[in-house]
Amino acid sequence: MADWLTAALSSLAPDPGVLVLAVALDLAVGDPVYAWHPVRIIGHTLAWMENALRRAGLDGYAGGVLLGVGLATVFLLVTGSLLVLAGLVAPVAERLVHLFIVYSLLALGDLFHHVWRIESAVQRGDLVAARTAVSALVGRDTDRLDGAACRRAAVESLSENLTDGFVSAVLWYVVLGLPGLVLFKVVSTMDSMVGYKTPRYLRFGWCGARLDDVMNYVPARLTWVLIAVVAGVFPNYSGRKAWAVGLSQHALLLGPNSGWSEAATAGALERRLVGPVWRDGVLVTDLWIGDPADAPLGTRGDVIRAVALAMVVGLVTTAAGYAYLATR
């Protein structure tokens, strides 16, 4: 029993080689869309559990907590079981399953794919396709967006999701191995599916939303620092503005975490982001993020620089994670 437990814990531990291979696969292949994708399975399980809890009358805070506990328990057990079973077949099978799980739960390549889909549509003058692609990333009216506004929405989504789609995932994998990564993805899925401040989810979704805030707290600030450092090293960026704008304007955006990387990106690119945002025909904000002296982001070159910045930050994050794990 002790040997089995030791083997199981060892299979769940973070692996520097697996991390590098998973990131390389994510960037080279992207995130294939298929019915049995791990994140889709988490989402379907969440929906089933939510319906069961609501039928039992647990549609408040307690139900939300039980949802989190249930999802975490199920998917941690499934992850451990898959690795143990694979290990019984062959050590290489266990390693491949480990690699597949890490690769499936990273989203940097997918972010780039969405950004380029928007940029390609704007570049060829197809605003309908660009607006449709934007609507898959952000919850705002898209019928008013011109090409520049579509590009801003793409870069805003890229910069915001750089934290919770990649840096947070890598950090939790490095710190707690597969259990940390799986738990983070469970929490992230809860936040995206039930973490809304609506009458239906205000109490039920509270647990997922707050856990998501906690798990992204350090990574969000780490991403701000990384953006500032990278922008300070490479030409055509401003490390000074990335640091200053991130520090002074992060709180202007909703949530305790999302504003750090978005504001830092605006500063690094020396371009203003956001601008007028309409939702259900109502102007909800006309806030601009960035140095007031800078021009609004709106060109293809701006998008290319934003993608390059996110790419380097992602690679630096991976290299730091590898170095930490390799020297432990």
Protein backbone atom coordinates (compact mmCIF):
# COMPACT_ATOMS: atom_id res chain seq x y z
CA MET A 1 0.00 0.00 0.00
CA ALA A 2 2.82 2.37 0.90
CA ASP A 3 4.60 1.60 -2.37
CA TRP A 4 1.42 2.24 -4.35
CA LEU A 5 0.87 5.56 -2.58
CA THR A 6 4.47 6.62 -3.16
CA ALA A 7 4.20 5.75 -6.87
CA ALA A 8 0.90 7.64 -7.19
CA LEU A 9 2.29 10.77 -5.53
CA SER A 10 5.42 10.58 -7.66
CA SER A 11 3.37 10.40 -10.86
CA LEU A 12 1.50 13.57 -9.85
CA ALA A 13 4.64 15.61 -9.14
CA PRO A 14 5.64 18.42 -11.52
CA ASP A 15 8.14 17.43 -14.20
CA PRO A 16 10.34 20.05 -15.91
CA GLY A 17 10.62 18.07 -19.13
CA VAL A 18 6.87 17.54 -19.33
CA LEU A 19 6.29 21.27 -18.78
CA VAL A 20 8.53 22.25 -21.70
CA LEU A 21 7.05 19.60 -24.01
CA ALA A 22 3.48 20.58 -23.08
CA VAL A 23 4.14 24.25 -23.82
CA ALA A 24 5.82 23.35 -27.11
CA LEU A 25 2.81 21.23 -28.10
CA ASP A 26 0.41 23.96 -27.07
CA LEU A 27 2.18 26.53 -29.23
CA ALA A 28 2.76 24.19 -32.19
CA VAL A 29 -0.57 22.34 -32.29
CA GLY A 30 -2.94 24.56 -30.35
CA ASP A 31 -5.92 23.27 -28.43
CA PRO A 32 -7.92 20.82 -30.59
CA VAL A 33 -11.71 21.01 -30.25
CA TYR A 34 -13.22 17.61 -29.48
CA ALA A 35 -16.01 16.29 -27.29
CA TRP A 36 -13.77 14.59 -24.71
CA HIS A 37 -11.46 17.53 -24.10
CA PRO A 38 -10.70 17.63 -20.32
CA VAL A 39 -12.02 21.18 -19.90
CA ARG A 40 -15.24 20.26 -21.72
CA ILE A 41 -15.63 17.25 -19.42
CA ILE A 42 -15.17 19.51 -16.38
CA GLY A 43 -17.80 21.86 -17.81
CA HIS A 44 -20.33 19.10 -18.49
CA THR A 45 -19.79 17.63 -15.02
CA LEU A 46 -20.22 21.05 -13.46
CA ALA A 47 -23.53 21.58 -15.28
CA TRP A 48 -24.79 18.16 -14.12
CA MET A 49 -23.75 18.82 -10.51
CA GLU A 50 -25.31 22.27 -10.56
CA ASN A 51 -28.66 20.89 -11.72
CA ALA A 52 -28.52 18.15 -9.07
CA LEU A 53 -27.70 20.62 -6.29
CA ARG A 54 -30.45 23.01 -7.35
CA ARG A 55 -32.99 20.18 -7.47
CA ALA A 56 -31.98 19.38 -3.89
CA GLY A 57 -32.63 22.99 -2.89
CA LEU A 58 -28.92 23.80 -2.52
CA ASP A 59 -28.88 26.89 -4.72
CA GLY A 60 -27.10 29.28 -2.32
CA TYR A 61 -23.66 29.60 -0.80
CA ALA A 62 -23.67 26.03 0.53
CA GLY A 63 -24.50 24.63 -2.89
CA GLY A 64 -21.66 26.57 -4.48
CA VAL A 65 -19.20 25.25 -1.90
CA LEU A 66 -20.43 21.68 -2.41
CA LEU A 67 -20.07 22.16 -6.16
CA GLY A 68 -16.42 23.14 -5.73
CA VAL A 69 -15.65 20.31 -3.34
CA GLY A 70 -17.41 17.77 -5.55
CA LEU A 71 -15.70 18.86 -8.76
CA ALA A 72 -12.27 19.00 -7.15
CA THR A 73 -12.70 15.56 -5.58
CA VAL A 74 -13.92 13.92 -8.78
CA PHE A 75 -11.23 15.31 -11.07
CA LEU A 76 -8.35 14.85 -8.65
CA LEU A 77 -9.39 11.21 -8.23
CA VAL A 78 -9.79 10.76 -12.00
CA THR A 79 -6.37 12.30 -12.65
CA GLY A 80 -4.66 10.10 -10.07
CA SER A 81 -6.45 6.98 -11.29
CA LEU A 82 -5.52 7.59 -14.93
CA LEU A 83 -1.87 7.96 -14.03
CA VAL A 84 -1.82 4.86 -11.82
CA LEU A 85 -3.52 2.78 -14.53
CA ALA A 86 -1.13 4.09 -17.17
CA GLY A 87 1.79 3.27 -14.89
CA LEU A 88 0.59 -0.32 -14.68
CA VAL A 89 0.83 -0.54 -18.46
CA ALA A 90 4.28 1.02 -18.84
CA PRO A 91 6.28 3.92 -17.39
CA VAL A 92 6.21 5.66 -20.77
CA ALA A 93 2.39 5.44 -20.83
CA GLU A 94 2.22 7.17 -17.47
CA ARG A 95 4.50 9.94 -18.72
CA LEU A 96 2.43 10.36 -21.89
CA VAL A 97 -0.80 10.68 -19.89
CA HIS A 98 0.88 13.23 -17.64
CA LEU A 99 2.02 15.17 -20.71
CA PHE A 100 -1.43 15.00 -22.30
CA ILE A 101 -3.12 16.41 -19.20
CA VAL A 102 -0.68 19.32 -18.86
CA TYR A 103 -0.86 20.09 -22.58
CA SER A 104 -4.66 20.02 -22.52
CA LEU A 105 -4.88 22.46 -19.61
CA LEU A 106 -2.64 25.18 -21.08
CA ALA A 107 -4.20 27.81 -23.32
CA LEU A 108 -1.49 30.11 -24.68
CA GLY A 109 -1.60 28.72 -28.21
CA ASP A 110 -5.39 28.96 -28.24
CA LEU A 111 -5.20 32.63 -27.23
CA PHE A 112 -2.90 33.37 -30.15
CA HIS A 113 -5.23 31.48 -32.49
CA HIS A 114 -8.22 33.63 -31.48
CA VAL A 115 -6.25 36.87 -31.79
CA TRP A 116 -5.01 35.98 -35.27
CA ARG A 117 -8.50 34.97 -36.36
CA ILE A 118 -9.70 38.48 -35.47
CA GLU A 119 -6.66 40.16 -37.00
CA SER A 120 -6.94 38.18 -40.23
CA ALA A 121 -10.60 39.13 -40.59
CA VAL A 122 -9.86 42.83 -39.97
CA GLN A 123 -6.91 42.72 -42.38
CA ARG A 124 -9.06 41.39 -45.22
CA GLY A 125 -11.84 43.88 -44.43
CA ASP A 126 -14.37 41.32 -43.18
CA LEU A 127 -15.83 43.14 -40.18
CA VAL A 128 -18.66 40.63 -39.80
CA ALA A 129 -16.18 37.79 -39.28
CA ALA A 130 -14.02 39.95 -37.01
CA ARG A 131 -16.98 40.92 -34.84
CA THR A 132 -18.14 37.29 -34.66
CA ALA A 133 -14.66 36.23 -33.53
CA VAL A 134 -14.58 39.02 -30.93
CA SER A 135 -17.96 37.90 -29.53
CA ALA A 136 -16.38 34.52 -28.69
CA LEU A 137 -13.89 36.27 -26.40
CA VAL A 138 -15.66 39.19 -24.75
CA GLY A 139 -19.13 39.89 -23.41
CA ARG A 140 -19.94 43.16 -25.16
CA ASP A 141 -21.96 44.36 -28.13
CA THR A 142 -19.89 43.87 -31.26
CA ASP A 143 -22.13 45.46 -33.89
CA ARG A 144 -20.61 48.90 -33.19
CA LEU A 145 -16.98 47.80 -33.41
CA ASP A 146 -14.79 49.03 -36.24
CA GLY A 147 -11.51 47.33 -37.16
CA ALA A 148 -9.47 49.20 -34.57
CA ALA A 149 -11.97 48.37 -31.81
CA CYS A 150 -11.88 44.69 -32.82
CA ARG A 151 -8.10 44.75 -32.53
CA ARG A 152 -8.29 46.39 -29.10
CA ALA A 153 -10.76 43.75 -27.92
CA ALA A 154 -8.41 41.01 -29.16
CA VAL A 155 -5.40 42.47 -27.37
CA GLU A 156 -7.41 43.11 -24.19
CA SER A 157 -8.53 39.48 -24.14
CA LEU A 158 -5.01 38.25 -24.88
CA SER A 159 -3.46 40.34 -22.10
CA GLU A 160 -6.12 39.48 -19.53
CA ASN A 161 -6.11 35.78 -20.30
CA LEU A 162 -2.32 35.62 -20.37
CA THR A 163 -2.63 35.39 -16.59
CA ASP A 164 -5.43 32.89 -16.03
CA GLY A 165 -4.94 30.99 -19.29
CA PHE A 166 -1.22 30.40 -18.92
CA VAL A 167 0.87 32.01 -16.16
CA SER A 168 -1.46 30.85 -13.38
CA ALA A 169 -1.68 27.35 -14.86
CA VAL A 170 2.11 27.05 -15.08
CA LEU A 171 2.61 28.44 -11.58
CA TRP A 172 0.17 26.04 -9.96
CA TYR A 173 1.67 23.12 -11.86
CA VAL A 174 5.17 24.09 -10.74
CA VAL A 175 4.11 24.54 -7.12
CA LEU A 176 1.68 21.62 -6.66
CA GLY A 177 2.09 19.43 -9.72
CA LEU A 178 -0.88 17.94 -11.53
CA PRO A 179 -3.22 18.34 -8.52
CA GLY A 180 -2.50 22.07 -8.47
CA LEU A 181 -3.07 22.44 -12.21
CA VAL A 182 -6.27 20.38 -12.19
CA LEU A 183 -7.62 22.23 -9.16
CA PHE A 184 -6.87 25.57 -10.83
CA LYS A 185 -8.72 24.52 -13.99
CA VAL A 186 -11.70 23.34 -11.94
CA VAL A 187 -11.85 26.70 -10.18
CA SER A 188 -11.36 28.61 -13.44
CA THR A 189 -14.20 26.66 -15.06
CA MET A 190 -16.44 27.36 -12.09
CA ASP A 191 -15.72 31.08 -12.36
CA SER A 192 -16.46 31.14 -16.10
CA MET A 193 -19.70 29.15 -15.79
CA VAL A 194 -21.26 30.23 -12.48
CA GLY A 195 -19.17 33.15 -11.20
CA TYR A 196 -21.66 35.84 -12.23
CA LYS A 197 -23.22 38.61 -10.16
CA THR A 198 -26.73 37.83 -11.34
CA PRO A 199 -29.73 36.84 -9.21
CA ARG A 200 -29.25 33.20 -10.24
CA TYR A 201 -25.53 33.03 -9.44
CA LEU A 202 -24.79 35.77 -6.91
CA ARG A 203 -24.69 33.30 -4.00
CA PHE A 204 -24.28 29.99 -5.82
CA GLY A 205 -21.31 31.26 -7.83
CA TRP A 206 -19.63 33.10 -4.96
CA CYS A 207 -17.34 30.20 -4.04
CA GLY A 208 -15.99 29.73 -7.56
CA ALA A 209 -15.51 33.46 -8.14
CA ARG A 210 -13.66 34.01 -4.85
CA LEU A 211 -11.47 30.93 -5.30
CA ASP A 212 -10.59 32.14 -8.78
CA ASP A 213 -9.59 35.52 -7.32
CA VAL A 214 -7.38 33.81 -4.74
CA MET A 215 -5.68 31.43 -7.17
CA ASN A 216 -4.95 34.22 -9.67
CA TYR A 217 -3.83 36.78 -7.08
CA VAL A 218 -0.09 36.09 -7.16
CA PRO A 219 0.08 35.11 -10.86
CA ALA A 220 -1.64 38.37 -11.90
CA ARG A 221 0.97 40.47 -10.16
CA LEU A 222 3.75 38.22 -11.40
CA THR A 223 2.50 38.70 -14.98
CA TRP A 224 2.62 42.48 -14.49
CA VAL A 225 6.25 42.24 -13.39
CA LEU A 226 7.16 39.92 -16.27
CA ILE A 227 5.53 42.21 -18.83
CA ALA A 228 7.44 45.18 -17.44
CA VAL A 229 10.74 43.29 -17.45
CA VAL A 230 10.29 41.95 -20.99
CA ALA A 231 9.17 45.36 -22.26
CA GLY A 232 12.23 46.92 -20.65
CA VAL A 233 14.59 44.54 -22.46
CA PHE A 234 13.18 44.54 -25.99
CA PRO A 235 13.04 47.54 -28.35
CA ASN A 236 9.75 49.17 -29.38
CA TYR A 237 8.24 48.61 -25.92
CA SER A 238 8.30 50.61 -22.71
CA GLY A 239 9.17 48.79 -19.51
CA ARG A 240 8.79 51.99 -17.51
CA LYS A 241 5.24 52.57 -18.74
CA ALA A 242 4.33 48.90 -18.32
CA TRP A 243 5.32 49.11 -14.66
CA ALA A 244 3.74 52.52 -14.01
CA VAL A 245 0.46 51.99 -15.87
CA GLY A 246 0.04 48.51 -14.41
CA LEU A 247 0.59 49.86 -10.91
CA SER A 248 -1.59 52.95 -11.23
CA GLN A 249 -4.46 51.77 -13.44
CA HIS A 250 -5.00 48.07 -12.70
CA ALA A 251 -7.81 48.88 -10.26
CA LEU A 252 -9.75 50.78 -12.93
CA LEU A 253 -10.77 47.44 -14.44
CA LEU A 254 -13.19 45.01 -12.85
CA GLY A 255 -11.87 42.36 -10.48
CA PRO A 256 -8.77 42.26 -8.29
CA ASN A 257 -6.57 40.53 -10.87
CA SER A 258 -7.47 41.07 -14.52
CA GLY A 259 -6.37 44.70 -14.63
CA TRP A 260 -2.72 44.03 -13.85
CA SER A 261 -1.72 42.38 -17.12
CA GLU A 262 -4.10 44.43 -19.25
CA ALA A 263 -2.90 47.78 -17.91
CA ALA A 264 0.73 46.63 -18.08
CA THR A 265 0.25 45.63 -21.73
CA ALA A 266 -1.18 49.05 -22.58
CA GLY A 267 1.86 50.66 -21.01
CA ALA A 268 4.32 48.28 -22.64
CA LEU A 269 2.85 48.86 -26.11
CA GLU A 270 2.46 52.61 -25.47
CA ARG A 271 -1.09 52.31 -26.73
CA ARG A 272 -4.42 52.92 -25.02
CA LEU A 273 -6.87 50.04 -24.62
CA VAL A 274 -10.59 49.54 -23.89
CA GLY A 275 -12.46 52.68 -25.00
CA PRO A 276 -16.28 52.77 -25.37
CA VAL A 277 -17.91 49.45 -24.45
CA TRP A 278 -21.58 48.81 -25.16
CA ARG A 279 -23.62 45.98 -23.67
CA ASP A 280 -27.25 45.29 -24.60
CA GLY A 281 -27.38 48.66 -26.34
CA VAL A 282 -26.20 50.58 -23.26
CA LEU A 283 -22.85 52.35 -22.97
CA VAL A 284 -21.32 50.75 -19.85
CA THR A 285 -17.93 52.48 -19.98
CA ASP A 286 -15.88 54.85 -22.10
CA LEU A 287 -12.76 54.26 -20.00
CA TRP A 288 -9.35 54.25 -21.65
CA ILE A 289 -6.42 52.38 -20.09
CA GLY A 290 -2.89 53.58 -20.74
CA ASP A 291 -0.90 56.78 -20.87
CA PRO A 292 -3.30 59.57 -21.98
CA ALA A 293 -0.55 60.86 -24.28
CA ASP A 294 -0.44 57.58 -26.22
CA ALA A 295 -2.58 56.78 -29.27
CA PRO A 296 -5.35 54.17 -29.11
CA LEU A 297 -4.29 50.72 -30.23
CA GLY A 298 -5.61 50.08 -33.70
CA THR A 299 -3.04 48.87 -36.23
CA ARG A 300 -1.83 45.47 -37.39
CA GLY A 301 1.61 46.36 -36.08
CA ASP A 302 0.16 46.96 -32.63
CA VAL A 303 -1.41 43.49 -32.63
CA ILE A 304 1.83 41.86 -33.78
CA ARG A 305 3.75 43.58 -30.98
CA ALA A 306 1.12 42.48 -28.44
CA VAL A 307 1.34 38.85 -29.58
CA ALA A 308 5.16 38.97 -29.51
CA LEU A 309 5.09 40.43 -25.99
CA ALA A 310 2.72 37.71 -24.74
CA MET A 311 4.78 35.02 -26.47
CA VAL A 312 8.02 36.13 -24.79
CA VAL A 313 6.31 36.43 -21.39
CA GLY A 314 4.97 32.90 -21.86
CA LEU A 315 8.40 31.55 -22.79
CA VAL A 316 10.05 33.34 -19.86
CA THR A 317 7.43 31.87 -17.53
CA THR A 318 8.12 28.39 -18.92
CA ALA A 319 11.88 28.83 -18.64
CA ALA A 320 11.59 30.02 -15.03
CA GLY A 321 9.34 27.07 -14.17
CA TYR A 322 11.73 24.63 -15.82
CA ALA A 323 14.75 26.12 -14.03
CA TYR A 324 13.00 25.95 -10.66
CA LEU A 325 11.91 22.32 -11.10
CA ALA A 326 15.21 21.19 -12.58
CA THR A 327 17.23 22.55 -9.64
CA ARG A 328 14.99 21.40 -6.80
